[in-house]
Amino acid sequence: PLLLFQVTRLRCGGFVLALRLNHTMSDSFGLLQFLNAVSEIA
């Protein structure tokens, strides 16, 4: 898999989103563009 996501809910009501990217696919700006697409759809 080219991406791995983990969403961890916290006791305070917050959460952590951690992910792992195969760097050959994108740089920081390319990944940000994808994450912005996910956040807009969310």
PDB file of all heavy atoms in Angstrom:
ATOM      1  N   PRO A   1       0.833  -1.211   0.000  1.00  0.00           N
ATOM      2  CA  PRO A   1       0.000   0.000   0.000  1.00  0.00           C
ATOM      3  C   PRO A   1       0.861   1.251   0.000  1.00  0.00           C
ATOM      4  O   PRO A   1       1.901   1.313   0.673  1.00  0.00           O
ATOM      5  CB  PRO A   1      -0.805  -0.132   1.294  1.00  0.00           C
ATOM      6  CG  PRO A   1      -0.857  -1.608   1.556  1.00  0.00           C
ATOM      7  CD  PRO A   1       0.460  -2.140   1.088  1.00  0.00           C
ATOM      8  N   LEU A   2       0.424   2.251  -0.736  1.00  0.00           N
ATOM      9  CA  LEU A   2       1.209   3.478  -0.886  1.00  0.00           C
ATOM     10  C   LEU A   2       0.947   4.476   0.227  1.00  0.00           C
ATOM     11  O   LEU A   2       1.717   5.430   0.389  1.00  0.00           O
ATOM     12  CB  LEU A   2       0.915   4.105  -2.251  1.00  0.00           C
ATOM     13  CG  LEU A   2       1.272   3.202  -3.442  1.00  0.00           C
ATOM     14  CD1 LEU A   2       0.783   3.809  -4.748  1.00  0.00           C
ATOM     15  CD2 LEU A   2       2.774   2.944  -3.488  1.00  0.00           C
ATOM     16  N   LEU A   3      -0.124   4.263   0.976  1.00  0.00           N
ATOM     17  CA  LEU A   3      -0.452   5.109   2.119  1.00  0.00           C
ATOM     18  C   LEU A   3      -0.978   4.244   3.261  1.00  0.00           C
ATOM     19  O   LEU A   3      -1.687   3.261   3.027  1.00  0.00           O
ATOM     20  CB  LEU A   3      -1.521   6.149   1.753  1.00  0.00           C
ATOM     21  CG  LEU A   3      -1.085   7.388   0.974  1.00  0.00           C
ATOM     22  CD1 LEU A   3      -2.311   8.072   0.356  1.00  0.00           C
ATOM     23  CD2 LEU A   3      -0.342   8.366   1.872  1.00  0.00           C
ATOM     24  N   LEU A   4      -0.624   4.633   4.477  1.00  0.00           N
ATOM     25  CA  LEU A   4      -1.149   4.004   5.685  1.00  0.00           C
ATOM     26  C   LEU A   4      -1.667   5.115   6.596  1.00  0.00           C
ATOM     27  O   LEU A   4      -0.946   6.070   6.882  1.00  0.00           O
ATOM     28  CB  LEU A   4      -0.043   3.213   6.390  1.00  0.00           C
ATOM     29  CG  LEU A   4      -0.286   2.808   7.846  1.00  0.00           C
ATOM     30  CD1 LEU A   4      -1.459   1.847   7.957  1.00  0.00           C
ATOM     31  CD2 LEU A   4       0.973   2.182   8.446  1.00  0.00           C
ATOM     32  N   PHE A   5      -2.927   5.011   7.027  1.00  0.00           N
ATOM     33  CA  PHE A   5      -3.546   5.991   7.920  1.00  0.00           C
ATOM     34  C   PHE A   5      -3.889   5.325   9.250  1.00  0.00           C
ATOM     35  O   PHE A   5      -4.309   4.171   9.279  1.00  0.00           O
ATOM     36  CB  PHE A   5      -4.853   6.533   7.324  1.00  0.00           C
ATOM     37  CG  PHE A   5      -4.681   7.504   6.194  1.00  0.00           C
ATOM     38  CD1 PHE A   5      -4.373   7.061   4.914  1.00  0.00           C
ATOM     39  CD2 PHE A   5      -4.828   8.870   6.398  1.00  0.00           C
ATOM     40  CE1 PHE A   5      -4.220   7.948   3.867  1.00  0.00           C
ATOM     41  CE2 PHE A   5      -4.678   9.768   5.353  1.00  0.00           C
ATOM     42  CZ  PHE A   5      -4.370   9.303   4.086  1.00  0.00           C
ATOM     43  N   GLN A   6      -3.746   6.076  10.334  1.00  0.00           N
ATOM     44  CA  GLN A   6      -4.293   5.652  11.624  1.00  0.00           C
ATOM     45  C   GLN A   6      -4.921   6.856  12.305  1.00  0.00           C
ATOM     46  O   GLN A   6      -4.270   7.892  12.482  1.00  0.00           O
ATOM     47  CB  GLN A   6      -3.225   5.043  12.539  1.00  0.00           C
ATOM     48  CG  GLN A   6      -3.800   4.600  13.892  1.00  0.00           C
ATOM     49  CD  GLN A   6      -2.803   3.844  14.750  1.00  0.00           C
ATOM     50  OE1 GLN A   6      -2.005   3.045  14.250  1.00  0.00           O
ATOM     51  NE2 GLN A   6      -2.831   4.086  16.062  1.00  0.00           N
ATOM     52  N   VAL A   7      -6.185   6.725  12.678  1.00  0.00           N
ATOM     53  CA  VAL A   7      -6.886   7.753  13.454  1.00  0.00           C
ATOM     54  C   VAL A   7      -7.031   7.234  14.878  1.00  0.00           C
ATOM     55  O   VAL A   7      -7.636   6.177  15.105  1.00  0.00           O
ATOM     56  CB  VAL A   7      -8.262   8.077  12.855  1.00  0.00           C
ATOM     57  CG1 VAL A   7      -9.004   9.078  13.738  1.00  0.00           C
ATOM     58  CG2 VAL A   7      -8.104   8.648  11.438  1.00  0.00           C
ATOM     59  N   THR A   8      -6.466   7.961  15.835  1.00  0.00           N
ATOM     60  CA  THR A   8      -6.490   7.565  17.243  1.00  0.00           C
ATOM     61  C   THR A   8      -7.285   8.576  18.049  1.00  0.00           C
ATOM     62  O   THR A   8      -6.902   9.744  18.147  1.00  0.00           O
ATOM     63  CB  THR A   8      -5.056   7.463  17.805  1.00  0.00           C
ATOM     64  OG1 THR A   8      -4.280   6.580  16.982  1.00  0.00           O
ATOM     65  CG2 THR A   8      -5.074   6.959  19.237  1.00  0.00           C
ATOM     66  N   ARG A   9      -8.410   8.138  18.600  1.00  0.00           N
ATOM     67  CA  ARG A   9      -9.241   9.009  19.435  1.00  0.00           C
ATOM     68  C   ARG A   9      -8.631   9.140  20.828  1.00  0.00           C
ATOM     69  O   ARG A   9      -8.122   8.161  21.390  1.00  0.00           O
ATOM     70  CB  ARG A   9     -10.658   8.443  19.528  1.00  0.00           C
ATOM     71  CG  ARG A   9     -11.406   8.428  18.188  1.00  0.00           C
ATOM     72  CD  ARG A   9     -12.719   7.654  18.283  1.00  0.00           C
ATOM     73  NE  ARG A   9     -12.467   6.221  18.375  1.00  0.00           N
ATOM     74  CZ  ARG A   9     -12.625   5.362  17.374  1.00  0.00           C
ATOM     75  NH1 ARG A   9     -13.037   5.790  16.185  1.00  0.00           N
ATOM     76  NH2 ARG A   9     -12.392   4.066  17.535  1.00  0.00           N
ATOM     77  N   LEU A  10      -8.687  10.350  21.412  1.00  0.00           N
ATOM     78  CA  LEU A  10      -8.113  10.622  22.724  1.00  0.00           C
ATOM     79  C   LEU A  10      -9.214  10.820  23.767  1.00  0.00           C
ATOM     80  O   LEU A  10     -10.352  11.158  23.422  1.00  0.00           O
ATOM     81  CB  LEU A  10      -7.222  11.866  22.661  1.00  0.00           C
ATOM     82  CG  LEU A  10      -6.127  11.863  21.582  1.00  0.00           C
ATOM     83  CD1 LEU A  10      -5.362  13.178  21.613  1.00  0.00           C
ATOM     84  CD2 LEU A  10      -5.181  10.685  21.759  1.00  0.00           C
ATOM     85  N   ARG A  11      -8.888  10.631  25.038  1.00  0.00           N
ATOM     86  CA  ARG A  11      -9.872  10.771  26.118  1.00  0.00           C
ATOM     87  C   ARG A  11     -10.432  12.181  26.225  1.00  0.00           C
ATOM     88  O   ARG A  11     -11.543  12.377  26.703  1.00  0.00           O
ATOM     89  CB  ARG A  11      -9.233  10.372  27.459  1.00  0.00           C
ATOM     90  CG  ARG A  11      -9.108   8.873  27.663  1.00  0.00           C
ATOM     91  CD  ARG A  11      -8.888   8.520  29.127  1.00  0.00           C
ATOM     92  NE  ARG A  11      -7.591   8.968  29.611  1.00  0.00           N
ATOM     93  CZ  ARG A  11      -7.405   9.903  30.536  1.00  0.00           C
ATOM     94  NH1 ARG A  11      -8.442  10.507  31.078  1.00  0.00           N
ATOM     95  NH2 ARG A  11      -6.186  10.223  30.932  1.00  0.00           N
ATOM     96  N   CYS A  12      -9.679  13.169  25.762  1.00  0.00           N
ATOM     97  CA  CYS A  12     -10.118  14.562  25.872  1.00  0.00           C
ATOM     98  C   CYS A  12     -11.101  14.961  24.778  1.00  0.00           C
ATOM     99  O   CYS A  12     -11.608  16.080  24.767  1.00  0.00           O
ATOM    100  CB  CYS A  12      -8.914  15.490  25.843  1.00  0.00           C
ATOM    101  SG  CYS A  12      -7.920  15.341  24.329  1.00  0.00           S
ATOM    102  N   GLY A  13     -11.384  14.065  23.847  1.00  0.00           N
ATOM    103  CA  GLY A  13     -12.269  14.387  22.730  1.00  0.00           C
ATOM    104  C   GLY A  13     -11.514  14.766  21.467  1.00  0.00           C
ATOM    105  O   GLY A  13     -12.106  14.874  20.390  1.00  0.00           O
ATOM    106  N   GLY A  14     -10.206  14.985  21.593  1.00  0.00           N
ATOM    107  CA  GLY A  14      -9.389  15.234  20.415  1.00  0.00           C
ATOM    108  C   GLY A  14      -8.993  13.928  19.750  1.00  0.00           C
ATOM    109  O   GLY A  14      -9.428  12.835  20.152  1.00  0.00           O
ATOM    110  N   PHE A  15      -8.161  14.026  18.739  1.00  0.00           N
ATOM    111  CA  PHE A  15      -7.694  12.819  18.060  1.00  0.00           C
ATOM    112  C   PHE A  15      -6.372  13.095  17.365  1.00  0.00           C
ATOM    113  O   PHE A  15      -5.955  14.246  17.185  1.00  0.00           O
ATOM    114  CB  PHE A  15      -8.734  12.301  17.050  1.00  0.00           C
ATOM    115  CG  PHE A  15      -8.963  13.184  15.855  1.00  0.00           C
ATOM    116  CD1 PHE A  15      -8.271  12.970  14.664  1.00  0.00           C
ATOM    117  CD2 PHE A  15      -9.881  14.232  15.908  1.00  0.00           C
ATOM    118  CE1 PHE A  15      -8.493  13.770  13.553  1.00  0.00           C
ATOM    119  CE2 PHE A  15     -10.112  15.044  14.801  1.00  0.00           C
ATOM    120  CZ  PHE A  15      -9.414  14.815  13.624  1.00  0.00           C
ATOM    121  N   VAL A  16      -5.717  12.024  16.993  1.00  0.00           N
ATOM    122  CA  VAL A  16      -4.454  12.088  16.257  1.00  0.00           C
ATOM    123  C   VAL A  16      -4.637  11.396  14.920  1.00  0.00           C
ATOM    124  O   VAL A  16      -5.163  10.277  14.855  1.00  0.00           O
ATOM    125  CB  VAL A  16      -3.311  11.401  17.042  1.00  0.00           C
ATOM    126  CG1 VAL A  16      -1.994  11.526  16.281  1.00  0.00           C
ATOM    127  CG2 VAL A  16      -3.187  11.972  18.442  1.00  0.00           C
ATOM    128  N   LEU A  17      -4.228  12.058  13.860  1.00  0.00           N
ATOM    129  CA  LEU A  17      -4.159  11.430  12.543  1.00  0.00           C
ATOM    130  C   LEU A  17      -2.685  11.252  12.208  1.00  0.00           C
ATOM    131  O   LEU A  17      -1.944  12.232  12.099  1.00  0.00           O
ATOM    132  CB  LEU A  17      -4.834  12.287  11.471  1.00  0.00           C
ATOM    133  CG  LEU A  17      -4.572  11.847  10.019  1.00  0.00           C
ATOM    134  CD1 LEU A  17      -5.153  10.464   9.758  1.00  0.00           C
ATOM    135  CD2 LEU A  17      -5.118  12.862   9.024  1.00  0.00           C
ATOM    136  N   ALA A  18      -2.259  10.010  12.089  1.00  0.00           N
ATOM    137  CA  ALA A  18      -0.889   9.711  11.678  1.00  0.00           C
ATOM    138  C   ALA A  18      -0.946   8.955  10.364  1.00  0.00           C
ATOM    139  O   ALA A  18      -1.859   8.165  10.131  1.00  0.00           O
ATOM    140  CB  ALA A  18      -0.168   8.887  12.744  1.00  0.00           C
ATOM    141  N   LEU A  19       0.005   9.215   9.508  1.00  0.00           N
ATOM    142  CA  LEU A  19       0.009   8.532   8.218  1.00  0.00           C
ATOM    143  C   LEU A  19       1.427   8.309   7.744  1.00  0.00           C
ATOM    144  O   LEU A  19       2.374   8.934   8.233  1.00  0.00           O
ATOM    145  CB  LEU A  19      -0.804   9.308   7.188  1.00  0.00           C
ATOM    146  CG  LEU A  19      -0.315  10.706   6.794  1.00  0.00           C
ATOM    147  CD1 LEU A  19       0.527  10.641   5.523  1.00  0.00           C
ATOM    148  CD2 LEU A  19      -1.492  11.642   6.586  1.00  0.00           C
ATOM    149  N   ARG A  20       1.556   7.417   6.796  1.00  0.00           N
ATOM    150  CA  ARG A  20       2.855   7.078   6.205  1.00  0.00           C
ATOM    151  C   ARG A  20       2.702   7.070   4.692  1.00  0.00           C
ATOM    152  O   ARG A  20       1.785   6.450   4.153  1.00  0.00           O
ATOM    153  CB  ARG A  20       3.293   5.705   6.707  1.00  0.00           C
ATOM    154  CG  ARG A  20       4.739   5.347   6.409  1.00  0.00           C
ATOM    155  CD  ARG A  20       5.049   3.963   6.956  1.00  0.00           C
ATOM    156  NE  ARG A  20       4.313   2.923   6.214  1.00  0.00           N
ATOM    157  CZ  ARG A  20       4.206   1.679   6.620  1.00  0.00           C
ATOM    158  NH1 ARG A  20       4.731   1.302   7.770  1.00  0.00           N
ATOM    159  NH2 ARG A  20       3.550   0.790   5.879  1.00  0.00           N
ATOM    160  N   LEU A  21       3.603   7.769   4.014  1.00  0.00           N
ATOM    161  CA  LEU A  21       3.550   7.920   2.558  1.00  0.00           C
ATOM    162  C   LEU A  21       4.776   7.312   1.917  1.00  0.00           C
ATOM    163  O   LEU A  21       5.904   7.557   2.356  1.00  0.00           O
ATOM    164  CB  LEU A  21       3.481   9.411   2.206  1.00  0.00           C
ATOM    165  CG  LEU A  21       3.763   9.796   0.749  1.00  0.00           C
ATOM    166  CD1 LEU A  21       2.589   9.405  -0.146  1.00  0.00           C
ATOM    167  CD2 LEU A  21       4.068  11.284   0.622  1.00  0.00           C
ATOM    168  N   ASN A  22       4.574   6.552   0.858  1.00  0.00           N
ATOM    169  CA  ASN A  22       5.674   6.130  -0.001  1.00  0.00           C
ATOM    170  C   ASN A  22       6.154   7.365  -0.760  1.00  0.00           C
ATOM    171  O   ASN A  22       5.454   7.893  -1.623  1.00  0.00           O
ATOM    172  CB  ASN A  22       5.178   5.050  -0.966  1.00  0.00           C
ATOM    173  CG  ASN A  22       6.281   4.472  -1.824  1.00  0.00           C
ATOM    174  OD1 ASN A  22       7.175   5.173  -2.269  1.00  0.00           O
ATOM    175  ND2 ASN A  22       6.195   3.173  -2.086  1.00  0.00           N
ATOM    176  N   HIS A  23       7.365   7.827  -0.415  1.00  0.00           N
ATOM    177  CA  HIS A  23       7.829   9.140  -0.897  1.00  0.00           C
ATOM    178  C   HIS A  23       7.952   9.219  -2.410  1.00  0.00           C
ATOM    179  O   HIS A  23       7.924  10.307  -2.982  1.00  0.00           O
ATOM    180  CB  HIS A  23       9.168   9.477  -0.237  1.00  0.00           C
ATOM    181  CG  HIS A  23       9.490  10.943  -0.185  1.00  0.00           C
ATOM    182  ND1 HIS A  23       8.945  11.877  -1.048  1.00  0.00           N
ATOM    183  CD2 HIS A  23      10.313  11.644   0.643  1.00  0.00           C
ATOM    184  CE1 HIS A  23       9.426  13.079  -0.749  1.00  0.00           C
ATOM    185  NE2 HIS A  23      10.250  12.970   0.269  1.00  0.00           N
ATOM    186  N   THR A  24       8.091   8.092  -3.093  1.00  0.00           N
ATOM    187  CA  THR A  24       8.216   8.154  -4.550  1.00  0.00           C
ATOM    188  C   THR A  24       6.956   8.716  -5.207  1.00  0.00           C
ATOM    189  O   THR A  24       7.006   9.203  -6.337  1.00  0.00           O
ATOM    190  CB  THR A  24       8.507   6.765  -5.146  1.00  0.00           C
ATOM    191  OG1 THR A  24       7.414   5.895  -4.848  1.00  0.00           O
ATOM    192  CG2 THR A  24       9.793   6.185  -4.595  1.00  0.00           C
ATOM    193  N   MET A  25       5.825   8.670  -4.511  1.00  0.00           N
ATOM    194  CA  MET A  25       4.557   9.121  -5.090  1.00  0.00           C
ATOM    195  C   MET A  25       4.382  10.630  -5.047  1.00  0.00           C
ATOM    196  O   MET A  25       3.807  11.222  -5.964  1.00  0.00           O
ATOM    197  CB  MET A  25       3.394   8.458  -4.358  1.00  0.00           C
ATOM    198  CG  MET A  25       3.216   6.991  -4.669  1.00  0.00           C
ATOM    199  SD  MET A  25       2.715   6.695  -6.383  1.00  0.00           S
ATOM    200  CE  MET A  25       1.043   7.358  -6.366  1.00  0.00           C
ATOM    201  N   SER A  26       4.837  11.269  -3.976  1.00  0.00           N
ATOM    202  CA  SER A  26       4.563  12.697  -3.781  1.00  0.00           C
ATOM    203  C   SER A  26       5.594  13.309  -2.845  1.00  0.00           C
ATOM    204  O   SER A  26       6.193  12.606  -2.012  1.00  0.00           O
ATOM    205  CB  SER A  26       3.170  12.915  -3.162  1.00  0.00           C
ATOM    206  OG  SER A  26       2.140  12.510  -4.023  1.00  0.00           O
ATOM    207  N   ASP A  27       5.742  14.628  -2.961  1.00  0.00           N
ATOM    208  CA  ASP A  27       6.498  15.380  -1.962  1.00  0.00           C
ATOM    209  C   ASP A  27       5.515  15.994  -0.974  1.00  0.00           C
ATOM    210  O   ASP A  27       4.312  15.678  -0.990  1.00  0.00           O
ATOM    211  CB  ASP A  27       7.384  16.439  -2.632  1.00  0.00           C
ATOM    212  CG  ASP A  27       6.602  17.434  -3.488  1.00  0.00           C
ATOM    213  OD1 ASP A  27       5.353  17.497  -3.369  1.00  0.00           O
ATOM    214  OD2 ASP A  27       7.230  18.161  -4.276  1.00  0.00           O
ATOM    215  N   SER A  28       5.991  16.886  -0.105  1.00  0.00           N
ATOM    216  CA  SER A  28       5.120  17.471   0.918  1.00  0.00           C
ATOM    217  C   SER A  28       3.955  18.230   0.308  1.00  0.00           C
ATOM    218  O   SER A  28       2.817  18.137   0.781  1.00  0.00           O
ATOM    219  CB  SER A  28       5.934  18.403   1.824  1.00  0.00           C
ATOM    220  OG  SER A  28       6.866  17.677   2.581  1.00  0.00           O
ATOM    221  N   PHE A  29       4.218  18.990  -0.752  1.00  0.00           N
ATOM    222  CA  PHE A  29       3.146  19.770  -1.371  1.00  0.00           C
ATOM    223  C   PHE A  29       2.127  18.869  -2.061  1.00  0.00           C
ATOM    224  O   PHE A  29       0.921  19.136  -2.042  1.00  0.00           O
ATOM    225  CB  PHE A  29       3.733  20.777  -2.373  1.00  0.00           C
ATOM    226  CG  PHE A  29       4.447  21.927  -1.736  1.00  0.00           C
ATOM    227  CD1 PHE A  29       5.825  21.920  -1.596  1.00  0.00           C
ATOM    228  CD2 PHE A  29       3.742  23.019  -1.253  1.00  0.00           C
ATOM    229  CE1 PHE A  29       6.498  22.984  -1.003  1.00  0.00           C
ATOM    230  CE2 PHE A  29       4.397  24.093  -0.652  1.00  0.00           C
ATOM    231  CZ  PHE A  29       5.784  24.070  -0.521  1.00  0.00           C
ATOM    232  N   GLY A  30       2.608  17.791  -2.690  1.00  0.00           N
ATOM    233  CA  GLY A  30       1.689  16.862  -3.327  1.00  0.00           C
ATOM    234  C   GLY A  30       0.815  16.143  -2.318  1.00  0.00           C
ATOM    235  O   GLY A  30      -0.393  15.970  -2.527  1.00  0.00           O
ATOM    236  N   LEU A  31       1.409  15.727  -1.198  1.00  0.00           N
ATOM    237  CA  LEU A  31       0.629  15.093  -0.140  1.00  0.00           C
ATOM    238  C   LEU A  31      -0.381  16.063   0.444  1.00  0.00           C
ATOM    239  O   LEU A  31      -1.536  15.693   0.697  1.00  0.00           O
ATOM    240  CB  LEU A  31       1.553  14.572   0.963  1.00  0.00           C
ATOM    241  CG  LEU A  31       0.861  13.994   2.190  1.00  0.00           C
ATOM    242  CD1 LEU A  31       0.012  12.779   1.830  1.00  0.00           C
ATOM    243  CD2 LEU A  31       1.868  13.638   3.274  1.00  0.00           C
ATOM    244  N   LEU A  32       0.048  17.304   0.671  1.00  0.00           N
ATOM    245  CA  LEU A  32      -0.873  18.306   1.209  1.00  0.00           C
ATOM    246  C   LEU A  32      -2.070  18.498   0.283  1.00  0.00           C
ATOM    247  O   LEU A  32      -3.214  18.611   0.745  1.00  0.00           O
ATOM    248  CB  LEU A  32      -0.152  19.643   1.408  1.00  0.00           C
ATOM    249  CG  LEU A  32      -1.048  20.781   1.886  1.00  0.00           C
ATOM    250  CD1 LEU A  32      -1.482  20.560   3.329  1.00  0.00           C
ATOM    251  CD2 LEU A  32      -0.346  22.129   1.752  1.00  0.00           C
ATOM    252  N   GLN A  33      -1.831  18.509  -1.021  1.00  0.00           N
ATOM    253  CA  GLN A  33      -2.924  18.667  -1.984  1.00  0.00           C
ATOM    254  C   GLN A  33      -3.940  17.537  -1.824  1.00  0.00           C
ATOM    255  O   GLN A  33      -5.159  17.770  -1.836  1.00  0.00           O
ATOM    256  CB  GLN A  33      -2.350  18.671  -3.401  1.00  0.00           C
ATOM    257  CG  GLN A  33      -3.383  18.852  -4.500  1.00  0.00           C
ATOM    258  CD  GLN A  33      -2.746  18.847  -5.873  1.00  0.00           C
ATOM    259  OE1 GLN A  33      -1.804  19.594  -6.140  1.00  0.00           O
ATOM    260  NE2 GLN A  33      -3.240  17.985  -6.760  1.00  0.00           N
ATOM    261  N   PHE A  34      -3.430  16.320  -1.638  1.00  0.00           N
ATOM    262  CA  PHE A  34      -4.327  15.175  -1.438  1.00  0.00           C
ATOM    263  C   PHE A  34      -5.078  15.286  -0.116  1.00  0.00           C
ATOM    264  O   PHE A  34      -6.296  15.063  -0.054  1.00  0.00           O
ATOM    265  CB  PHE A  34      -3.531  13.876  -1.494  1.00  0.00           C
ATOM    266  CG  PHE A  34      -4.331  12.655  -1.155  1.00  0.00           C
ATOM    267  CD1 PHE A  34      -5.402  12.270  -1.936  1.00  0.00           C
ATOM    268  CD2 PHE A  34      -4.004  11.884  -0.042  1.00  0.00           C
ATOM    269  CE1 PHE A  34      -6.150  11.138  -1.621  1.00  0.00           C
ATOM    270  CE2 PHE A  34      -4.735  10.751   0.275  1.00  0.00           C
ATOM    271  CZ  PHE A  34      -5.817  10.380  -0.511  1.00  0.00           C
ATOM    272  N   LEU A  35      -4.379  15.645   0.953  1.00  0.00           N
ATOM    273  CA  LEU A  35      -5.035  15.771   2.264  1.00  0.00           C
ATOM    274  C   LEU A  35      -6.067  16.892   2.259  1.00  0.00           C
ATOM    275  O   LEU A  35      -7.116  16.781   2.909  1.00  0.00           O
ATOM    276  CB  LEU A  35      -3.992  16.013   3.353  1.00  0.00           C
ATOM    277  CG  LEU A  35      -3.065  14.839   3.666  1.00  0.00           C
ATOM    278  CD1 LEU A  35      -2.025  15.242   4.703  1.00  0.00           C
ATOM    279  CD2 LEU A  35      -3.847  13.625   4.141  1.00  0.00           C
ATOM    280  N   ASN A  36      -5.796  17.959   1.535  1.00  0.00           N
ATOM    281  CA  ASN A  36      -6.792  19.034   1.411  1.00  0.00           C
ATOM    282  C   ASN A  36      -8.041  18.532   0.690  1.00  0.00           C
ATOM    283  O   ASN A  36      -9.165  18.911   1.041  1.00  0.00           O
ATOM    284  CB  ASN A  36      -6.206  20.236   0.678  1.00  0.00           C
ATOM    285  CG  ASN A  36      -5.328  21.097   1.575  1.00  0.00           C
ATOM    286  OD1 ASN A  36      -5.471  21.083   2.800  1.00  0.00           O
ATOM    287  ND2 ASN A  36      -4.423  21.846   0.973  1.00  0.00           N
ATOM    288  N   ALA A  37      -7.851  17.654  -0.298  1.00  0.00           N
ATOM    289  CA  ALA A  37      -9.004  17.063  -0.990  1.00  0.00           C
ATOM    290  C   ALA A  37      -9.826  16.231  -0.015  1.00  0.00           C
ATOM    291  O   ALA A  37     -11.068  16.311   0.014  1.00  0.00           O
ATOM    292  CB  ALA A  37      -8.532  16.212  -2.163  1.00  0.00           C
ATOM    293  N   VAL A  38      -9.148  15.423   0.820  1.00  0.00           N
ATOM    294  CA  VAL A  38      -9.855  14.616   1.816  1.00  0.00           C
ATOM    295  C   VAL A  38     -10.594  15.517   2.802  1.00  0.00           C
ATOM    296  O   VAL A  38     -11.763  15.266   3.145  1.00  0.00           O
ATOM    297  CB  VAL A  38      -8.865  13.698   2.574  1.00  0.00           C
ATOM    298  CG1 VAL A  38      -9.598  12.910   3.662  1.00  0.00           C
ATOM    299  CG2 VAL A  38      -8.175  12.734   1.608  1.00  0.00           C
ATOM    300  N   SER A  39      -9.932  16.580   3.270  1.00  0.00           N
ATOM    301  CA  SER A  39     -10.555  17.467   4.262  1.00  0.00           C
ATOM    302  C   SER A  39     -11.743  18.226   3.680  1.00  0.00           C
ATOM    303  O   SER A  39     -12.755  18.427   4.362  1.00  0.00           O
ATOM    304  CB  SER A  39      -9.515  18.447   4.817  1.00  0.00           C
ATOM    305  OG  SER A  39      -9.090  19.380   3.843  1.00  0.00           O
ATOM    306  N   GLU A  40     -11.656  18.641   2.428  1.00  0.00           N
ATOM    307  CA  GLU A  40     -12.780  19.339   1.793  1.00  0.00           C
ATOM    308  C   GLU A  40     -13.988  18.409   1.667  1.00  0.00           C
ATOM    309  O   GLU A  40     -15.125  18.811   1.945  1.00  0.00           O
ATOM    310  CB  GLU A  40     -12.354  19.860   0.418  1.00  0.00           C
ATOM    311  CG  GLU A  40     -11.376  21.022   0.474  1.00  0.00           C
ATOM    312  CD  GLU A  40     -10.780  21.364  -0.873  1.00  0.00           C
ATOM    313  OE1 GLU A  40     -11.097  20.666  -1.869  1.00  0.00           O
ATOM    314  OE2 GLU A  40      -9.991  22.313  -0.942  1.00  0.00           O
ATOM    315  N   ILE A  41     -13.745  17.167   1.257  1.00  0.00           N
ATOM    316  CA  ILE A  41     -14.843  16.203   1.127  1.00  0.00           C
ATOM    317  C   ILE A  41     -15.418  15.867   2.496  1.00  0.00           C
ATOM    318  O   ILE A  41     -16.635  15.702   2.663  1.00  0.00           O
ATOM    319  CB  ILE A  41     -14.342  14.946   0.389  1.00  0.00           C
ATOM    320  CG1 ILE A  41     -14.040  15.296  -1.075  1.00  0.00           C
ATOM    321  CG2 ILE A  41     -15.369  13.819   0.464  1.00  0.00           C
ATOM    322  CD1 ILE A  41     -13.342  14.201  -1.855  1.00  0.00           C
ATOM    323  N   ALA A  42     -14.543  15.801   3.520  1.00  0.00           N
ATOM    324  CA  ALA A  42     -15.010  15.528   4.888  1.00  0.00           C
ATOM    325  C   ALA A  42     -15.970  16.609   5.365  1.00  0.00           C
ATOM    326  O   ALA A  42     -16.849  16.354   6.198  1.00  0.00           O
ATOM    327  CB  ALA A  42     -13.822  15.427   5.834  1.00  0.00           C
TER     328      ALA A  42
END
